[in-house]
Amino acid sequence: MIDWGRIDELADELGADDFAEVAELFLAEMDAEMAALPQAEGDARAMRDRLHSIKGSALNLGFARLAQLCAEGEARAEAGDGAPVDFPAVQAALDASKRLFAAGPAAVTATAAPAQMRR
């Protein structure tokens, strides 16, 4: 669900203080775009643009599952589908990613089942 390597890379590039600020900005941007996403339903171009924006922020923060859902929806919108995403699924992916991000990789590892940890 989260690409921790991407998060580490961004944090190394920016430094801890700047990373925290950038992460906060990306999260706020994603929240704003998610709030506006349902308004784009029926307008393939607007939907594509919103999904593209959310996808970009998600990729920057390593929110892999959210980025994947948005990329799939973006492709469908590009093909002319004005309702290419399951809004609750995209919101759930964002919410889950934000929880995991806030908890950090150690919390994810500590709660993972032994089989998941061996992967």
PDB file of N, CA and C in Angstrom:
ATOM      1  N   MET A   1       0.825  -1.195   0.000  1.00  0.00           N
ATOM      2  CA  MET A   1       0.000   0.000   0.000  1.00  0.00           C
ATOM      3  C   MET A   1       0.872   1.263   0.000  1.00  0.00           C
ATOM      4  N   ILE A   2       2.006   1.221   0.722  1.00  0.00           N
ATOM      5  CA  ILE A   2       2.892   2.388   0.774  1.00  0.00           C
ATOM      6  C   ILE A   2       4.284   1.977   0.332  1.00  0.00           C
ATOM      7  N   ASP A   3       4.898   2.799  -0.473  1.00  0.00           N
ATOM      8  CA  ASP A   3       6.270   2.601  -0.929  1.00  0.00           C
ATOM      9  C   ASP A   3       7.183   3.350   0.047  1.00  0.00           C
ATOM     10  N   TRP A   4       7.626   2.642   1.092  1.00  0.00           N
ATOM     11  CA  TRP A   4       8.450   3.279   2.122  1.00  0.00           C
ATOM     12  C   TRP A   4       9.795   3.737   1.563  1.00  0.00           C
ATOM     13  N   GLY A   5      10.269   3.051   0.516  1.00  0.00           N
ATOM     14  CA  GLY A   5      11.519   3.477  -0.115  1.00  0.00           C
ATOM     15  C   GLY A   5      11.384   4.873  -0.710  1.00  0.00           C
ATOM     16  N   ARG A   6      10.238   5.147  -1.323  1.00  0.00           N
ATOM     17  CA  ARG A   6       9.999   6.483  -1.893  1.00  0.00           C
ATOM     18  C   ARG A   6       9.963   7.533  -0.790  1.00  0.00           C
ATOM     19  N   ILE A   7       9.337   7.195   0.327  1.00  0.00           N
ATOM     20  CA  ILE A   7       9.266   8.131   1.447  1.00  0.00           C
ATOM     21  C   ILE A   7      10.665   8.411   1.984  1.00  0.00           C
ATOM     22  N   ASP A   8      11.467   7.353   2.139  1.00  0.00           N
ATOM     23  CA  ASP A   8      12.846   7.537   2.612  1.00  0.00           C
ATOM     24  C   ASP A   8      13.652   8.398   1.647  1.00  0.00           C
ATOM     25  N   GLU A   9      13.462   8.144   0.351  1.00  0.00           N
ATOM     26  CA  GLU A   9      14.173   8.905  -0.679  1.00  0.00           C
ATOM     27  C   GLU A   9      13.818  10.393  -0.599  1.00  0.00           C
ATOM     28  N   LEU A  10      12.536  10.683  -0.489  1.00  0.00           N
ATOM     29  CA  LEU A  10      12.090  12.072  -0.421  1.00  0.00           C
ATOM     30  C   LEU A  10      12.586  12.735   0.859  1.00  0.00           C
ATOM     31  N   ALA A  11      12.518  12.020   1.965  1.00  0.00           N
ATOM     32  CA  ALA A  11      12.987  12.574   3.234  1.00  0.00           C
ATOM     33  C   ALA A  11      14.492  12.848   3.189  1.00  0.00           C
ATOM     34  N   ASP A  12      15.254  11.955   2.548  1.00  0.00           N
ATOM     35  CA  ASP A  12      16.698  12.172   2.415  1.00  0.00           C
ATOM     36  C   ASP A  12      16.996  13.383   1.539  1.00  0.00           C
ATOM     37  N   GLU A  13      16.231  13.535   0.465  1.00  0.00           N
ATOM     38  CA  GLU A  13      16.433  14.657  -0.452  1.00  0.00           C
ATOM     39  C   GLU A  13      16.125  15.994   0.216  1.00  0.00           C
ATOM     40  N   LEU A  14      15.074  16.017   1.021  1.00  0.00           N
ATOM     41  CA  LEU A  14      14.583  17.282   1.570  1.00  0.00           C
ATOM     42  C   LEU A  14      15.084  17.597   2.978  1.00  0.00           C
ATOM     43  N   GLY A  15      15.430  16.587   3.732  1.00  0.00           N
ATOM     44  CA  GLY A  15      15.724  16.791   5.147  1.00  0.00           C
ATOM     45  C   GLY A  15      14.429  16.668   5.937  1.00  0.00           C
ATOM     46  N   ALA A  16      14.549  16.358   7.206  1.00  0.00           N
ATOM     47  CA  ALA A  16      13.380  16.043   8.040  1.00  0.00           C
ATOM     48  C   ALA A  16      12.368  17.185   8.110  1.00  0.00           C
ATOM     49  N   ASP A  17      12.839  18.399   8.366  1.00  0.00           N
ATOM     50  CA  ASP A  17      11.905  19.520   8.522  1.00  0.00           C
ATOM     51  C   ASP A  17      11.168  19.835   7.223  1.00  0.00           C
ATOM     52  N   ASP A  18      11.910  19.912   6.133  1.00  0.00           N
ATOM     53  CA  ASP A  18      11.275  20.205   4.848  1.00  0.00           C
ATOM     54  C   ASP A  18      10.378  19.064   4.401  1.00  0.00           C
ATOM     55  N   PHE A  19      10.785  17.825   4.693  1.00  0.00           N
ATOM     56  CA  PHE A  19       9.949  16.688   4.337  1.00  0.00           C
ATOM     57  C   PHE A  19       8.600  16.772   5.042  1.00  0.00           C
ATOM     58  N   ALA A  20       8.606  17.088   6.313  1.00  0.00           N
ATOM     59  CA  ALA A  20       7.351  17.194   7.069  1.00  0.00           C
ATOM     60  C   ALA A  20       6.441  18.249   6.449  1.00  0.00           C
ATOM     61  N   GLU A  21       7.015  19.358   6.037  1.00  0.00           N
ATOM     62  CA  GLU A  21       6.228  20.426   5.421  1.00  0.00           C
ATOM     63  C   GLU A  21       5.669  19.995   4.070  1.00  0.00           C
ATOM     64  N   VAL A  22       6.506  19.362   3.262  1.00  0.00           N
ATOM     65  CA  VAL A  22       6.064  18.898   1.947  1.00  0.00           C
ATOM     66  C   VAL A  22       4.986  17.833   2.095  1.00  0.00           C
ATOM     67  N   ALA A  23       5.177  16.906   3.026  1.00  0.00           N
ATOM     68  CA  ALA A  23       4.173  15.859   3.248  1.00  0.00           C
ATOM     69  C   ALA A  23       2.839  16.479   3.641  1.00  0.00           C
ATOM     70  N   GLU A  24       2.885  17.468   4.504  1.00  0.00           N
ATOM     71  CA  GLU A  24       1.656  18.146   4.931  1.00  0.00           C
ATOM     72  C   GLU A  24       0.957  18.812   3.736  1.00  0.00           C
ATOM     73  N   LEU A  25       1.736  19.432   2.864  1.00  0.00           N
ATOM     74  CA  LEU A  25       1.164  20.074   1.674  1.00  0.00           C
ATOM     75  C   LEU A  25       0.542  19.051   0.728  1.00  0.00           C
ATOM     76  N   PHE A  26       1.250  17.944   0.492  1.00  0.00           N
ATOM     77  CA  PHE A  26       0.714  16.907  -0.382  1.00  0.00           C
ATOM     78  C   PHE A  26      -0.572  16.322   0.191  1.00  0.00           C
ATOM     79  N   LEU A  27      -0.599  16.082   1.494  1.00  0.00           N
ATOM     80  CA  LEU A  27      -1.804  15.524   2.115  1.00  0.00           C
ATOM     81  C   LEU A  27      -2.975  16.490   2.004  1.00  0.00           C
ATOM     82  N   ALA A  28      -2.715  17.765   2.217  1.00  0.00           N
ATOM     83  CA  ALA A  28      -3.780  18.766   2.086  1.00  0.00           C
ATOM     84  C   ALA A  28      -4.278  18.832   0.646  1.00  0.00           C
ATOM     85  N   GLU A  29      -3.355  18.759  -0.303  1.00  0.00           N
ATOM     86  CA  GLU A  29      -3.729  18.793  -1.718  1.00  0.00           C
ATOM     87  C   GLU A  29      -4.588  17.580  -2.072  1.00  0.00           C
ATOM     88  N   MET A  30      -4.190  16.405  -1.582  1.00  0.00           N
ATOM     89  CA  MET A  30      -4.976  15.207  -1.855  1.00  0.00           C
ATOM     90  C   MET A  30      -6.371  15.311  -1.253  1.00  0.00           C
ATOM     91  N   ASP A  31      -6.461  15.829  -0.034  1.00  0.00           N
ATOM     92  CA  ASP A  31      -7.772  15.987   0.602  1.00  0.00           C
ATOM     93  C   ASP A  31      -8.666  16.931  -0.197  1.00  0.00           C
ATOM     94  N   ALA A  32      -8.096  18.025  -0.673  1.00  0.00           N
ATOM     95  CA  ALA A  32      -8.877  18.988  -1.461  1.00  0.00           C
ATOM     96  C   ALA A  32      -9.328  18.371  -2.779  1.00  0.00           C
ATOM     97  N   GLU A  33      -8.447  17.657  -3.440  1.00  0.00           N
ATOM     98  CA  GLU A  33      -8.804  17.024  -4.707  1.00  0.00           C
ATOM     99  C   GLU A  33      -9.847  15.923  -4.485  1.00  0.00           C
ATOM    100  N   MET A  34      -9.717  15.167  -3.403  1.00  0.00           N
ATOM    101  CA  MET A  34     -10.704  14.119  -3.098  1.00  0.00           C
ATOM    102  C   MET A  34     -12.073  14.735  -2.837  1.00  0.00           C
ATOM    103  N   ALA A  35     -12.101  15.851  -2.141  1.00  0.00           N
ATOM    104  CA  ALA A  35     -13.375  16.518  -1.855  1.00  0.00           C
ATOM    105  C   ALA A  35     -14.044  16.983  -3.150  1.00  0.00           C
ATOM    106  N   ALA A  36     -13.253  17.376  -4.133  1.00  0.00           N
ATOM    107  CA  ALA A  36     -13.788  17.874  -5.396  1.00  0.00           C
ATOM    108  C   ALA A  36     -14.047  16.759  -6.416  1.00  0.00           C
ATOM    109  N   LEU A  37     -13.502  15.583  -6.168  1.00  0.00           N
ATOM    110  CA  LEU A  37     -13.612  14.495  -7.140  1.00  0.00           C
ATOM    111  C   LEU A  37     -15.057  14.147  -7.521  1.00  0.00           C
ATOM    112  N   PRO A  38     -15.971  13.997  -6.583  1.00  0.00           N
ATOM    113  CA  PRO A  38     -17.353  13.659  -6.981  1.00  0.00           C
ATOM    114  C   PRO A  38     -18.006  14.711  -7.891  1.00  0.00           C
ATOM    115  N   GLN A  39     -17.582  15.947  -7.784  1.00  0.00           N
ATOM    116  CA  GLN A  39     -18.143  17.005  -8.626  1.00  0.00           C
ATOM    117  C   GLN A  39     -17.753  16.830 -10.086  1.00  0.00           C
ATOM    118  N   ALA A  40     -16.685  16.069 -10.335  1.00  0.00           N
ATOM    119  CA  ALA A  40     -16.222  15.850 -11.698  1.00  0.00           C
ATOM    120  C   ALA A  40     -16.933  14.685 -12.378  1.00  0.00           C
ATOM    121  N   GLU A  41     -17.770  13.982 -11.638  1.00  0.00           N
ATOM    122  CA  GLU A  41     -18.471  12.835 -12.210  1.00  0.00           C
ATOM    123  C   GLU A  41     -19.298  13.283 -13.412  1.00  0.00           C
ATOM    124  N   GLY A  42     -19.170  12.521 -14.486  1.00  0.00           N
ATOM    125  CA  GLY A  42     -19.883  12.846 -15.718  1.00  0.00           C
ATOM    126  C   GLY A  42     -19.086  13.730 -16.664  1.00  0.00           C
ATOM    127  N   ASP A  43     -17.982  14.265 -16.208  1.00  0.00           N
ATOM    128  CA  ASP A  43     -17.107  15.108 -17.031  1.00  0.00           C
ATOM    129  C   ASP A  43     -15.749  14.411 -17.105  1.00  0.00           C
ATOM    130  N   ALA A  44     -15.542  13.651 -18.166  1.00  0.00           N
ATOM    131  CA  ALA A  44     -14.346  12.820 -18.287  1.00  0.00           C
ATOM    132  C   ALA A  44     -13.061  13.637 -18.177  1.00  0.00           C
ATOM    133  N   ARG A  45     -13.025  14.808 -18.767  1.00  0.00           N
ATOM    134  CA  ARG A  45     -11.807  15.624 -18.725  1.00  0.00           C
ATOM    135  C   ARG A  45     -11.530  16.108 -17.301  1.00  0.00           C
ATOM    136  N   ALA A  46     -12.539  16.607 -16.611  1.00  0.00           N
ATOM    137  CA  ALA A  46     -12.359  17.073 -15.236  1.00  0.00           C
ATOM    138  C   ALA A  46     -11.978  15.912 -14.324  1.00  0.00           C
ATOM    139  N   MET A  47     -12.604  14.756 -14.538  1.00  0.00           N
ATOM    140  CA  MET A  47     -12.286  13.574 -13.739  1.00  0.00           C
ATOM    141  C   MET A  47     -10.833  13.164 -13.967  1.00  0.00           C
ATOM    142  N   ARG A  48     -10.413  13.133 -15.222  1.00  0.00           N
ATOM    143  CA  ARG A  48      -9.031  12.780 -15.554  1.00  0.00           C
ATOM    144  C   ARG A  48      -8.054  13.732 -14.863  1.00  0.00           C
ATOM    145  N   ASP A  49      -8.346  15.028 -14.917  1.00  0.00           N
ATOM    146  CA  ASP A  49      -7.454  16.016 -14.318  1.00  0.00           C
ATOM    147  C   ASP A  49      -7.369  15.862 -12.801  1.00  0.00           C
ATOM    148  N   ARG A  50      -8.492  15.627 -12.155  1.00  0.00           N
ATOM    149  CA  ARG A  50      -8.506  15.445 -10.693  1.00  0.00           C
ATOM    150  C   ARG A  50      -7.734  14.186 -10.309  1.00  0.00           C
ATOM    151  N   LEU A  51      -8.013  13.097 -11.026  1.00  0.00           N
ATOM    152  CA  LEU A  51      -7.320  11.840 -10.732  1.00  0.00           C
ATOM    153  C   LEU A  51      -5.823  11.959 -10.984  1.00  0.00           C
ATOM    154  N   HIS A  52      -5.455  12.688 -12.023  1.00  0.00           N
ATOM    155  CA  HIS A  52      -4.045  12.903 -12.325  1.00  0.00           C
ATOM    156  C   HIS A  52      -3.362  13.660 -11.174  1.00  0.00           C
ATOM    157  N   SER A  53      -4.025  14.660 -10.656  1.00  0.00           N
ATOM    158  CA  SER A  53      -3.474  15.441  -9.559  1.00  0.00           C
ATOM    159  C   SER A  53      -3.307  14.597  -8.296  1.00  0.00           C
ATOM    160  N   ILE A  54      -4.333  13.829  -7.961  1.00  0.00           N
ATOM    161  CA  ILE A  54      -4.249  12.967  -6.776  1.00  0.00           C
ATOM    162  C   ILE A  54      -3.149  11.930  -6.974  1.00  0.00           C
ATOM    163  N   LYS A  55      -3.079  11.355  -8.167  1.00  0.00           N
ATOM    164  CA  LYS A  55      -2.061  10.352  -8.468  1.00  0.00           C
ATOM    165  C   LYS A  55      -0.656  10.923  -8.284  1.00  0.00           C
ATOM    166  N   GLY A  56      -0.441  12.141  -8.780  1.00  0.00           N
ATOM    167  CA  GLY A  56       0.881  12.758  -8.647  1.00  0.00           C
ATOM    168  C   GLY A  56       1.279  12.957  -7.202  1.00  0.00           C
ATOM    169  N   SER A  57       0.368  13.452  -6.402  1.00  0.00           N
ATOM    170  CA  SER A  57       0.660  13.628  -4.974  1.00  0.00           C
ATOM    171  C   SER A  57       0.896  12.281  -4.300  1.00  0.00           C
ATOM    172  N   ALA A  58       0.073  11.304  -4.654  1.00  0.00           N
ATOM    173  CA  ALA A  58       0.212   9.967  -4.069  1.00  0.00           C
ATOM    174  C   ALA A  58       1.566   9.360  -4.417  1.00  0.00           C
ATOM    175  N   LEU A  59       1.990   9.502  -5.653  1.00  0.00           N
ATOM    176  CA  LEU A  59       3.295   8.973  -6.059  1.00  0.00           C
ATOM    177  C   LEU A  59       4.430   9.673  -5.323  1.00  0.00           C
ATOM    178  N   ASN A  60       4.314  10.975  -5.160  1.00  0.00           N
ATOM    179  CA  ASN A  60       5.356  11.713  -4.449  1.00  0.00           C
ATOM    180  C   ASN A  60       5.504  11.245  -3.011  1.00  0.00           C
ATOM    181  N   LEU A  61       4.393  10.886  -2.381  1.00  0.00           N
ATOM    182  CA  LEU A  61       4.439  10.442  -0.990  1.00  0.00           C
ATOM    183  C   LEU A  61       4.543   8.930  -0.848  1.00  0.00           C
ATOM    184  N   GLY A  62       4.603   8.213  -1.939  1.00  0.00           N
ATOM    185  CA  GLY A  62       4.732   6.771  -1.858  1.00  0.00           C
ATOM    186  C   GLY A  62       3.438   6.042  -1.553  1.00  0.00           C
ATOM    187  N   PHE A  63       2.305   6.664  -1.785  1.00  0.00           N
ATOM    188  CA  PHE A  63       1.008   6.030  -1.551  1.00  0.00           C
ATOM    189  C   PHE A  63       0.662   5.198  -2.791  1.00  0.00           C
ATOM    190  N   ALA A  64       1.274   4.037  -2.890  1.00  0.00           N
ATOM    191  CA  ALA A  64       1.242   3.229  -4.103  1.00  0.00           C
ATOM    192  C   ALA A  64      -0.162   2.762  -4.486  1.00  0.00           C
ATOM    193  N   ARG A  65      -0.927   2.254  -3.550  1.00  0.00           N
ATOM    194  CA  ARG A  65      -2.269   1.749  -3.868  1.00  0.00           C
ATOM    195  C   ARG A  65      -3.176   2.878  -4.358  1.00  0.00           C
ATOM    196  N   LEU A  66      -3.123   4.012  -3.686  1.00  0.00           N
ATOM    197  CA  LEU A  66      -3.924   5.150  -4.112  1.00  0.00           C
ATOM    198  C   LEU A  66      -3.522   5.590  -5.515  1.00  0.00           C
ATOM    199  N   ALA A  67      -2.226   5.663  -5.771  1.00  0.00           N
ATOM    200  CA  ALA A  67      -1.747   6.053  -7.096  1.00  0.00           C
ATOM    201  C   ALA A  67      -2.223   5.073  -8.158  1.00  0.00           C
ATOM    202  N   GLN A  68      -2.215   3.778  -7.831  1.00  0.00           N
ATOM    203  CA  GLN A  68      -2.665   2.760  -8.779  1.00  0.00           C
ATOM    204  C   GLN A  68      -4.145   2.943  -9.116  1.00  0.00           C
ATOM    205  N   LEU A  69      -4.977   3.136  -8.096  1.00  0.00           N
ATOM    206  CA  LEU A  69      -6.406   3.347  -8.342  1.00  0.00           C
ATOM    207  C   LEU A  69      -6.641   4.588  -9.203  1.00  0.00           C
ATOM    208  N   CYS A  70      -5.905   5.647  -8.905  1.00  0.00           N
ATOM    209  CA  CYS A  70      -6.063   6.884  -9.679  1.00  0.00           C
ATOM    210  C   CYS A  70      -5.577   6.714 -11.107  1.00  0.00           C
ATOM    211  N   ALA A  71      -4.478   5.986 -11.300  1.00  0.00           N
ATOM    212  CA  ALA A  71      -3.966   5.758 -12.657  1.00  0.00           C
ATOM    213  C   ALA A  71      -4.974   4.966 -13.482  1.00  0.00           C
ATOM    214  N   GLU A  72      -5.583   3.950 -12.863  1.00  0.00           N
ATOM    215  CA  GLU A  72      -6.595   3.170 -13.566  1.00  0.00           C
ATOM    216  C   GLU A  72      -7.798   4.043 -13.928  1.00  0.00           C
ATOM    217  N   GLY A  73      -8.244   4.857 -12.986  1.00  0.00           N
ATOM    218  CA  GLY A  73      -9.363   5.748 -13.243  1.00  0.00           C
ATOM    219  C   GLY A  73      -9.024   6.808 -14.273  1.00  0.00           C
ATOM    220  N   GLU A  74      -7.813   7.310 -14.200  1.00  0.00           N
ATOM    221  CA  GLU A  74      -7.361   8.320 -15.165  1.00  0.00           C
ATOM    222  C   GLU A  74      -7.395   7.751 -16.585  1.00  0.00           C
ATOM    223  N   ALA A  75      -6.946   6.514 -16.743  1.00  0.00           N
ATOM    224  CA  ALA A  75      -6.955   5.878 -18.062  1.00  0.00           C
ATOM    225  C   ALA A  75      -8.388   5.699 -18.574  1.00  0.00           C
ATOM    226  N   ARG A  76      -9.290   5.302 -17.672  1.00  0.00           N
ATOM    227  CA  ARG A  76     -10.691   5.146 -18.093  1.00  0.00           C
ATOM    228  C   ARG A  76     -11.291   6.506 -18.444  1.00  0.00           C
ATOM    229  N   ALA A  77     -10.975   7.521 -17.681  1.00  0.00           N
ATOM    230  CA  ALA A  77     -11.488   8.860 -17.984  1.00  0.00           C
ATOM    231  C   ALA A  77     -10.929   9.349 -19.315  1.00  0.00           C
ATOM    232  N   GLU A  78      -9.671   9.060 -19.557  1.00  0.00           N
ATOM    233  CA  GLU A  78      -9.042   9.448 -20.826  1.00  0.00           C
ATOM    234  C   GLU A  78      -9.767   8.790 -21.994  1.00  0.00           C
ATOM    235  N   ALA A  79     -10.294   7.606 -21.752  1.00  0.00           N
ATOM    236  CA  ALA A  79     -11.042   6.886 -22.787  1.00  0.00           C
ATOM    237  C   ALA A  79     -12.481   7.378 -22.906  1.00  0.00           C
ATOM    238  N   GLY A  80     -12.873   8.344 -22.071  1.00  0.00           N
ATOM    239  CA  GLY A  80     -14.185   8.944 -22.177  1.00  0.00           C
ATOM    240  C   GLY A  80     -15.187   8.537 -21.119  1.00  0.00           C
ATOM    241  N   ASP A  81     -14.784   7.720 -20.167  1.00  0.00           N
ATOM    242  CA  ASP A  81     -15.679   7.291 -19.094  1.00  0.00           C
ATOM    243  C   ASP A  81     -15.742   8.399 -18.045  1.00  0.00           C
ATOM    244  N   GLY A  82     -16.905   9.005 -17.876  1.00  0.00           N
ATOM    245  CA  GLY A  82     -17.055  10.118 -16.941  1.00  0.00           C
ATOM    246  C   GLY A  82     -17.174   9.712 -15.489  1.00  0.00           C
ATOM    247  N   ALA A  83     -17.353   8.422 -15.212  1.00  0.00           N
ATOM    248  CA  ALA A  83     -17.455   7.921 -13.833  1.00  0.00           C
ATOM    249  C   ALA A  83     -16.519   6.724 -13.676  1.00  0.00           C
ATOM    250  N   PRO A  84     -15.220   6.949 -13.836  1.00  0.00           N
ATOM    251  CA  PRO A  84     -14.280   5.835 -13.920  1.00  0.00           C
ATOM    252  C   PRO A  84     -13.786   5.260 -12.591  1.00  0.00           C
ATOM    253  N   VAL A  85     -14.226   5.807 -11.467  1.00  0.00           N
ATOM    254  CA  VAL A  85     -13.696   5.332 -10.194  1.00  0.00           C
ATOM    255  C   VAL A  85     -14.800   5.054  -9.190  1.00  0.00           C
ATOM    256  N   ASP A  86     -14.474   4.185  -8.276  1.00  0.00           N
ATOM    257  CA  ASP A  86     -15.324   3.898  -7.131  1.00  0.00           C
ATOM    258  C   ASP A  86     -14.867   4.868  -6.040  1.00  0.00           C
ATOM    259  N   PHE A  87     -15.621   5.957  -5.849  1.00  0.00           N
ATOM    260  CA  PHE A  87     -15.212   6.998  -4.899  1.00  0.00           C
ATOM    261  C   PHE A  87     -14.908   6.447  -3.512  1.00  0.00           C
ATOM    262  N   PRO A  88     -15.781   5.596  -2.941  1.00  0.00           N
ATOM    263  CA  PRO A  88     -15.468   5.064  -1.605  1.00  0.00           C
ATOM    264  C   PRO A  88     -14.162   4.268  -1.570  1.00  0.00           C
ATOM    265  N   ALA A  89     -13.851   3.529  -2.642  1.00  0.00           N
ATOM    266  CA  ALA A  89     -12.608   2.757  -2.674  1.00  0.00           C
ATOM    267  C   ALA A  89     -11.390   3.678  -2.711  1.00  0.00           C
ATOM    268  N   VAL A  90     -11.470   4.742  -3.486  1.00  0.00           N
ATOM    269  CA  VAL A  90     -10.354   5.694  -3.566  1.00  0.00           C
ATOM    270  C   VAL A  90     -10.189   6.401  -2.223  1.00  0.00           C
ATOM    271  N   GLN A  91     -11.290   6.808  -1.613  1.00  0.00           N
ATOM    272  CA  GLN A  91     -11.219   7.458  -0.302  1.00  0.00           C
ATOM    273  C   GLN A  91     -10.667   6.493   0.746  1.00  0.00           C
ATOM    274  N   ALA A  92     -11.086   5.238   0.694  1.00  0.00           N
ATOM    275  CA  ALA A  92     -10.582   4.240   1.647  1.00  0.00           C
ATOM    276  C   ALA A  92      -9.081   4.033   1.476  1.00  0.00           C
ATOM    277  N   ALA A  93      -8.613   4.026   0.228  1.00  0.00           N
ATOM    278  CA  ALA A  93      -7.170   3.877  -0.016  1.00  0.00           C
ATOM    279  C   ALA A  93      -6.406   5.074   0.539  1.00  0.00           C
ATOM    280  N   LEU A  94      -6.948   6.269   0.360  1.00  0.00           N
ATOM    281  CA  LEU A  94      -6.308   7.459   0.912  1.00  0.00           C
ATOM    282  C   LEU A  94      -6.289   7.401   2.432  1.00  0.00           C
ATOM    283  N   ASP A  95      -7.420   7.076   3.031  1.00  0.00           N
ATOM    284  CA  ASP A  95      -7.502   7.026   4.491  1.00  0.00           C
ATOM    285  C   ASP A  95      -6.544   5.984   5.069  1.00  0.00           C
ATOM    286  N   ALA A  96      -6.512   4.799   4.469  1.00  0.00           N
ATOM    287  CA  ALA A  96      -5.614   3.743   4.949  1.00  0.00           C
ATOM    288  C   ALA A  96      -4.158   4.155   4.778  1.00  0.00           C
ATOM    289  N   SER A  97      -3.835   4.776   3.654  1.00  0.00           N
ATOM    290  CA  SER A  97      -2.461   5.223   3.414  1.00  0.00           C
ATOM    291  C   SER A  97      -2.050   6.282   4.427  1.00  0.00           C
ATOM    292  N   LYS A  98      -2.943   7.201   4.722  1.00  0.00           N
ATOM    293  CA  LYS A  98      -2.632   8.247   5.697  1.00  0.00           C
ATOM    294  C   LYS A  98      -2.392   7.646   7.084  1.00  0.00           C
ATOM    295  N   ARG A  99      -3.209   6.646   7.459  1.00  0.00           N
ATOM    296  CA  ARG A  99      -3.010   5.998   8.762  1.00  0.00           C
ATOM    297  C   ARG A  99      -1.660   5.292   8.822  1.00  0.00           C
ATOM    298  N   LEU A 100      -1.334   4.533   7.775  1.00  0.00           N
ATOM    299  CA  LEU A 100      -0.049   3.834   7.734  1.00  0.00           C
ATOM    300  C   LEU A 100       1.116   4.819   7.725  1.00  0.00           C
ATOM    301  N   PHE A 101       0.978   5.876   6.963  1.00  0.00           N
ATOM    302  CA  PHE A 101       2.021   6.898   6.880  1.00  0.00           C
ATOM    303  C   PHE A 101       2.266   7.524   8.251  1.00  0.00           C
ATOM    304  N   ALA A 102       1.193   7.846   8.951  1.00  0.00           N
ATOM    305  CA  ALA A 102       1.314   8.463  10.274  1.00  0.00           C
ATOM    306  C   ALA A 102       1.941   7.503  11.280  1.00  0.00           C
ATOM    307  N   ALA A 103       1.626   6.226  11.156  1.00  0.00           N
ATOM    308  CA  ALA A 103       2.163   5.228  12.089  1.00  0.00           C
ATOM    309  C   ALA A 103       3.630   4.917  11.794  1.00  0.00           C
ATOM    310  N   GLY A 104       4.021   5.015  10.536  1.00  0.00           N
ATOM    311  CA  GLY A 104       5.399   4.745  10.148  1.00  0.00           C
ATOM    312  C   GLY A 104       5.626   3.275   9.845  1.00  0.00           C
ATOM    313  N   PRO A 105       6.743   2.972   9.188  1.00  0.00           N
ATOM    314  CA  PRO A 105       7.014   1.596   8.769  1.00  0.00           C
ATOM    315  C   PRO A 105       7.195   0.626   9.933  1.00  0.00           C
ATOM    316  N   ALA A 106       7.707   1.082  11.057  1.00  0.00           N
ATOM    317  CA  ALA A 106       7.916   0.185  12.200  1.00  0.00           C
ATOM    318  C   ALA A 106       6.583  -0.345  12.713  1.00  0.00           C
ATOM    319  N   ALA A 107       5.555   0.486  12.737  1.00  0.00           N
ATOM    320  CA  ALA A 107       4.244   0.056  13.213  1.00  0.00           C
ATOM    321  C   ALA A 107       3.643  -0.970  12.267  1.00  0.00           C
ATOM    322  N   VAL A 108       3.863  -0.816  10.979  1.00  0.00           N
ATOM    323  CA  VAL A 108       3.337  -1.761   9.997  1.00  0.00           C
ATOM    324  C   VAL A 108       4.020  -3.112  10.183  1.00  0.00           C
ATOM    325  N   THR A 109       5.334  -3.113  10.335  1.00  0.00           N
ATOM    326  CA  THR A 109       6.086  -4.344  10.517  1.00  0.00           C
ATOM    327  C   THR A 109       5.691  -5.033  11.818  1.00  0.00           C
ATOM    328  N   ALA A 110       5.491  -4.263  12.864  1.00  0.00           N
ATOM    329  CA  ALA A 110       5.160  -4.831  14.167  1.00  0.00           C
ATOM    330  C   ALA A 110       3.798  -5.504  14.169  1.00  0.00           C
ATOM    331  N   THR A 111       2.878  -5.060  13.325  1.00  0.00           N
ATOM    332  CA  THR A 111       1.532  -5.638  13.305  1.00  0.00           C
ATOM    333  C   THR A 111       1.336  -6.628  12.171  1.00  0.00           C
ATOM    334  N   ALA A 112       2.344  -6.802  11.329  1.00  0.00           N
ATOM    335  CA  ALA A 112       2.213  -7.714  10.188  1.00  0.00           C
ATOM    336  C   ALA A 112       2.242  -9.163  10.668  1.00  0.00           C
ATOM    337  N   ALA A 113       1.521  -9.990   9.938  1.00  0.00           N
ATOM    338  CA  ALA A 113       1.553 -11.417  10.231  1.00  0.00           C
ATOM    339  C   ALA A 113       2.926 -11.948   9.852  1.00  0.00           C
ATOM    340  N   PRO A 114       3.401 -13.009  10.499  1.00  0.00           N
ATOM    341  CA  PRO A 114       4.727 -13.561  10.185  1.00  0.00           C
ATOM    342  C   PRO A 114       4.909 -13.858   8.700  1.00  0.00           C
ATOM    343  N   ALA A 115       3.896 -14.383   8.014  1.00  0.00           N
ATOM    344  CA  ALA A 115       4.035 -14.675   6.587  1.00  0.00           C
ATOM    345  C   ALA A 115       4.251 -13.407   5.775  1.00  0.00           C
ATOM    346  N   GLN A 116       3.597 -12.319   6.176  1.00  0.00           N
ATOM    347  CA  GLN A 116       3.766 -11.057   5.455  1.00  0.00           C
ATOM    348  C   GLN A 116       5.162 -10.503   5.673  1.00  0.00           C
ATOM    349  N   MET A 117       5.729 -10.728   6.828  1.00  0.00           N
ATOM    350  CA  MET A 117       7.040 -10.177   7.155  1.00  0.00           C
ATOM    351  C   MET A 117       8.138 -10.871   6.344  1.00  0.00           C
ATOM    352  N   ARG A 118       7.921 -12.114   5.918  1.00  0.00           N
ATOM    353  CA  ARG A 118       8.945 -12.845   5.174  1.00  0.00           C
ATOM    354  C   ARG A 118       9.015 -12.413   3.717  1.00  0.00           C
ATOM    355  N   ARG A 119       8.034 -11.711   3.223  1.00  0.00           N
ATOM    356  CA  ARG A 119       8.014 -11.316   1.810  1.00  0.00           C
ATOM    357  C   ARG A 119       9.062 -10.328   1.500  1.00  0.00           C
TER     358      ARG A 119
END
